[in-house]
Amino acid sequence: MSEHDISDAKWITSRACNNSACVQVAHLTGGMVAVRDSKDVTKAAHVFDSSEWAAFLDGVKAGEFDLPVA
């Protein structure tokens, strides 16, 4: 993963977040998307291109990341 300038990123936190342990997302130039953990914003963000981000969103919508039901 190459370095991306996220210094001016506008981070979005989910409205469903009710504490400081949330995932934040920022849309970057060139269709890139950055994701970070709000608990420690000094850690490097994960940056995805538009096709990777679309595949992730498709997986979320399809339930690929749902926890197993006990």
N, C-alpha and C. Protein backbone atom coordinates (compact mmCIF):
# COMPACT_ATOMS: atom_id res chain seq x y z
N MET A 1 0.86 -1.17 0.00
CA MET A 1 0.00 0.00 0.00
C MET A 1 0.90 1.23 0.00
N SER A 2 0.68 2.12 -0.96
CA SER A 2 1.49 3.33 -1.02
C SER A 2 0.94 4.38 -0.07
N GLU A 3 1.77 5.39 0.20
CA GLU A 3 1.37 6.46 1.09
C GLU A 3 0.40 7.40 0.37
N HIS A 4 -0.63 7.83 1.09
CA HIS A 4 -1.61 8.76 0.56
C HIS A 4 -1.71 9.94 1.50
N ASP A 5 -1.89 11.13 0.94
CA ASP A 5 -2.03 12.32 1.76
C ASP A 5 -3.45 12.39 2.29
N ILE A 6 -3.59 12.22 3.59
CA ILE A 6 -4.91 12.29 4.22
C ILE A 6 -5.00 13.49 5.17
N SER A 7 -4.04 14.41 5.05
CA SER A 7 -3.98 15.54 5.99
C SER A 7 -5.22 16.42 5.92
N ASP A 8 -5.85 16.55 4.77
CA ASP A 8 -7.05 17.38 4.63
C ASP A 8 -8.32 16.55 4.51
N ALA A 9 -8.24 15.27 4.84
CA ALA A 9 -9.41 14.39 4.70
C ALA A 9 -10.55 14.83 5.61
N LYS A 10 -11.75 14.72 5.11
CA LYS A 10 -12.96 14.99 5.88
C LYS A 10 -13.52 13.65 6.35
N TRP A 11 -13.28 13.32 7.60
CA TRP A 11 -13.64 12.01 8.14
C TRP A 11 -15.12 11.95 8.49
N ILE A 12 -15.75 10.85 8.15
CA ILE A 12 -17.17 10.61 8.41
C ILE A 12 -17.27 9.52 9.45
N THR A 13 -18.04 9.78 10.51
CA THR A 13 -18.31 8.78 11.54
C THR A 13 -19.77 8.40 11.45
N SER A 14 -20.07 7.13 11.55
CA SER A 14 -21.44 6.66 11.47
C SER A 14 -22.32 7.31 12.53
N ARG A 15 -23.55 7.62 12.16
CA ARG A 15 -24.52 8.11 13.14
C ARG A 15 -24.85 7.05 14.17
N ALA A 16 -24.61 5.78 13.84
CA ALA A 16 -24.88 4.68 14.77
C ALA A 16 -23.81 4.56 15.84
N CYS A 17 -22.73 5.29 15.70
CA CYS A 17 -21.64 5.23 16.67
C CYS A 17 -22.08 5.92 17.95
N ASN A 18 -21.95 5.21 19.07
CA ASN A 18 -22.38 5.80 20.33
C ASN A 18 -21.24 5.94 21.34
N ASN A 19 -20.03 5.74 20.90
CA ASN A 19 -18.86 5.95 21.77
C ASN A 19 -17.67 6.31 20.90
N SER A 20 -16.49 6.33 21.48
CA SER A 20 -15.32 6.74 20.70
C SER A 20 -14.65 5.59 19.96
N ALA A 21 -15.22 4.40 20.02
CA ALA A 21 -14.63 3.23 19.35
C ALA A 21 -15.35 2.98 18.03
N CYS A 22 -15.10 3.82 17.06
CA CYS A 22 -15.81 3.75 15.79
C CYS A 22 -14.84 3.68 14.62
N VAL A 23 -15.36 3.27 13.51
CA VAL A 23 -14.61 3.31 12.27
C VAL A 23 -14.99 4.61 11.56
N GLN A 24 -13.99 5.29 11.00
CA GLN A 24 -14.24 6.51 10.26
C GLN A 24 -13.79 6.31 8.82
N VAL A 25 -14.49 6.97 7.89
CA VAL A 25 -14.23 6.84 6.47
C VAL A 25 -14.02 8.23 5.88
N ALA A 26 -13.11 8.33 4.94
CA ALA A 26 -12.90 9.59 4.21
C ALA A 26 -12.75 9.29 2.73
N HIS A 27 -13.41 10.07 1.90
CA HIS A 27 -13.28 9.94 0.45
C HIS A 27 -12.13 10.83 0.01
N LEU A 28 -11.17 10.24 -0.71
CA LEU A 28 -9.97 10.95 -1.15
C LEU A 28 -10.03 11.22 -2.64
N THR A 29 -9.09 12.00 -3.11
CA THR A 29 -9.03 12.28 -4.55
C THR A 29 -8.77 11.00 -5.32
N GLY A 30 -9.21 10.99 -6.55
CA GLY A 30 -8.98 9.84 -7.41
C GLY A 30 -9.84 8.64 -7.09
N GLY A 31 -10.90 8.84 -6.31
CA GLY A 31 -11.80 7.74 -5.99
C GLY A 31 -11.31 6.83 -4.87
N MET A 32 -10.23 7.20 -4.23
CA MET A 32 -9.71 6.39 -3.13
C MET A 32 -10.55 6.62 -1.88
N VAL A 33 -10.58 5.62 -0.99
CA VAL A 33 -11.32 5.72 0.27
C VAL A 33 -10.38 5.29 1.40
N ALA A 34 -10.33 6.12 2.44
CA ALA A 34 -9.50 5.81 3.61
C ALA A 34 -10.40 5.40 4.76
N VAL A 35 -9.92 4.45 5.56
CA VAL A 35 -10.65 3.96 6.73
C VAL A 35 -9.68 3.97 7.91
N ARG A 36 -10.17 4.47 9.06
CA ARG A 36 -9.32 4.48 10.26
C ARG A 36 -10.16 4.19 11.50
N ASP A 37 -9.46 3.87 12.56
CA ASP A 37 -10.06 3.60 13.86
C ASP A 37 -10.06 4.89 14.65
N SER A 38 -11.22 5.33 15.11
CA SER A 38 -11.30 6.61 15.82
C SER A 38 -10.63 6.58 17.19
N LYS A 39 -10.36 5.39 17.72
CA LYS A 39 -9.69 5.31 19.03
C LYS A 39 -8.25 5.80 18.97
N ASP A 40 -7.61 5.65 17.81
CA ASP A 40 -6.22 6.08 17.68
C ASP A 40 -5.99 6.60 16.26
N VAL A 41 -6.28 7.86 16.06
CA VAL A 41 -6.17 8.45 14.73
C VAL A 41 -4.73 8.69 14.31
N THR A 42 -3.77 8.41 15.20
CA THR A 42 -2.36 8.55 14.83
C THR A 42 -1.87 7.35 14.04
N LYS A 43 -2.59 6.24 14.12
CA LYS A 43 -2.21 5.05 13.33
C LYS A 43 -2.55 5.29 11.87
N ALA A 44 -1.82 4.63 11.00
CA ALA A 44 -2.05 4.77 9.57
C ALA A 44 -3.44 4.30 9.18
N ALA A 45 -4.06 5.05 8.27
CA ALA A 45 -5.36 4.65 7.74
C ALA A 45 -5.14 3.59 6.66
N HIS A 46 -6.14 2.75 6.47
CA HIS A 46 -6.13 1.80 5.36
C HIS A 46 -6.78 2.52 4.18
N VAL A 47 -6.13 2.46 3.02
CA VAL A 47 -6.63 3.17 1.84
C VAL A 47 -6.94 2.16 0.75
N PHE A 48 -8.13 2.30 0.17
CA PHE A 48 -8.62 1.37 -0.85
C PHE A 48 -8.95 2.13 -2.12
N ASP A 49 -8.76 1.46 -3.27
CA ASP A 49 -9.20 2.08 -4.51
C ASP A 49 -10.70 1.83 -4.68
N SER A 50 -11.29 2.44 -5.69
CA SER A 50 -12.74 2.38 -5.84
C SER A 50 -13.27 0.97 -6.04
N SER A 51 -12.54 0.12 -6.75
CA SER A 51 -13.02 -1.25 -6.96
C SER A 51 -12.93 -2.08 -5.68
N GLU A 52 -11.88 -1.87 -4.90
CA GLU A 52 -11.76 -2.57 -3.61
C GLU A 52 -12.87 -2.13 -2.67
N TRP A 53 -13.15 -0.83 -2.62
CA TRP A 53 -14.19 -0.29 -1.75
C TRP A 53 -15.56 -0.83 -2.17
N ALA A 54 -15.82 -0.86 -3.47
CA ALA A 54 -17.10 -1.37 -3.97
C ALA A 54 -17.27 -2.85 -3.61
N ALA A 55 -16.20 -3.63 -3.73
CA ALA A 55 -16.27 -5.04 -3.36
C ALA A 55 -16.55 -5.21 -1.87
N PHE A 56 -15.93 -4.37 -1.04
CA PHE A 56 -16.18 -4.42 0.40
C PHE A 56 -17.65 -4.10 0.69
N LEU A 57 -18.16 -3.02 0.11
CA LEU A 57 -19.56 -2.65 0.34
C LEU A 57 -20.51 -3.73 -0.12
N ASP A 58 -20.22 -4.35 -1.26
CA ASP A 58 -21.05 -5.46 -1.74
C ASP A 58 -21.04 -6.61 -0.73
N GLY A 59 -19.87 -6.90 -0.16
CA GLY A 59 -19.77 -7.96 0.85
C GLY A 59 -20.55 -7.64 2.10
N VAL A 60 -20.51 -6.38 2.53
CA VAL A 60 -21.29 -5.97 3.70
C VAL A 60 -22.77 -6.16 3.43
N LYS A 61 -23.23 -5.70 2.28
CA LYS A 61 -24.65 -5.82 1.93
C LYS A 61 -25.08 -7.27 1.82
N ALA A 62 -24.18 -8.15 1.41
CA ALA A 62 -24.50 -9.57 1.24
C ALA A 62 -24.38 -10.35 2.56
N GLY A 63 -23.94 -9.67 3.61
CA GLY A 63 -23.82 -10.33 4.92
C GLY A 63 -22.56 -11.15 5.11
N GLU A 64 -21.56 -10.94 4.25
CA GLU A 64 -20.32 -11.72 4.34
C GLU A 64 -19.55 -11.51 5.63
N PHE A 65 -19.79 -10.41 6.31
CA PHE A 65 -19.04 -10.10 7.53
C PHE A 65 -19.88 -10.20 8.79
N ASP A 66 -21.10 -10.69 8.64
CA ASP A 66 -21.97 -10.84 9.82
C ASP A 66 -21.41 -11.89 10.77
N LEU A 67 -21.57 -11.64 12.04
CA LEU A 67 -21.15 -12.63 13.04
C LEU A 67 -22.10 -13.81 13.01
N PRO A 68 -21.59 -15.01 13.29
CA PRO A 68 -22.48 -16.18 13.30
C PRO A 68 -23.53 -16.05 14.42
N VAL A 69 -24.72 -16.53 14.15
CA VAL A 69 -25.78 -16.52 15.14
C VAL A 69 -25.60 -17.73 16.04
N ALA A 70 -25.59 -17.49 17.35
CA ALA A 70 -25.37 -18.60 18.31
C ALA A 70 -26.61 -19.45 18.45
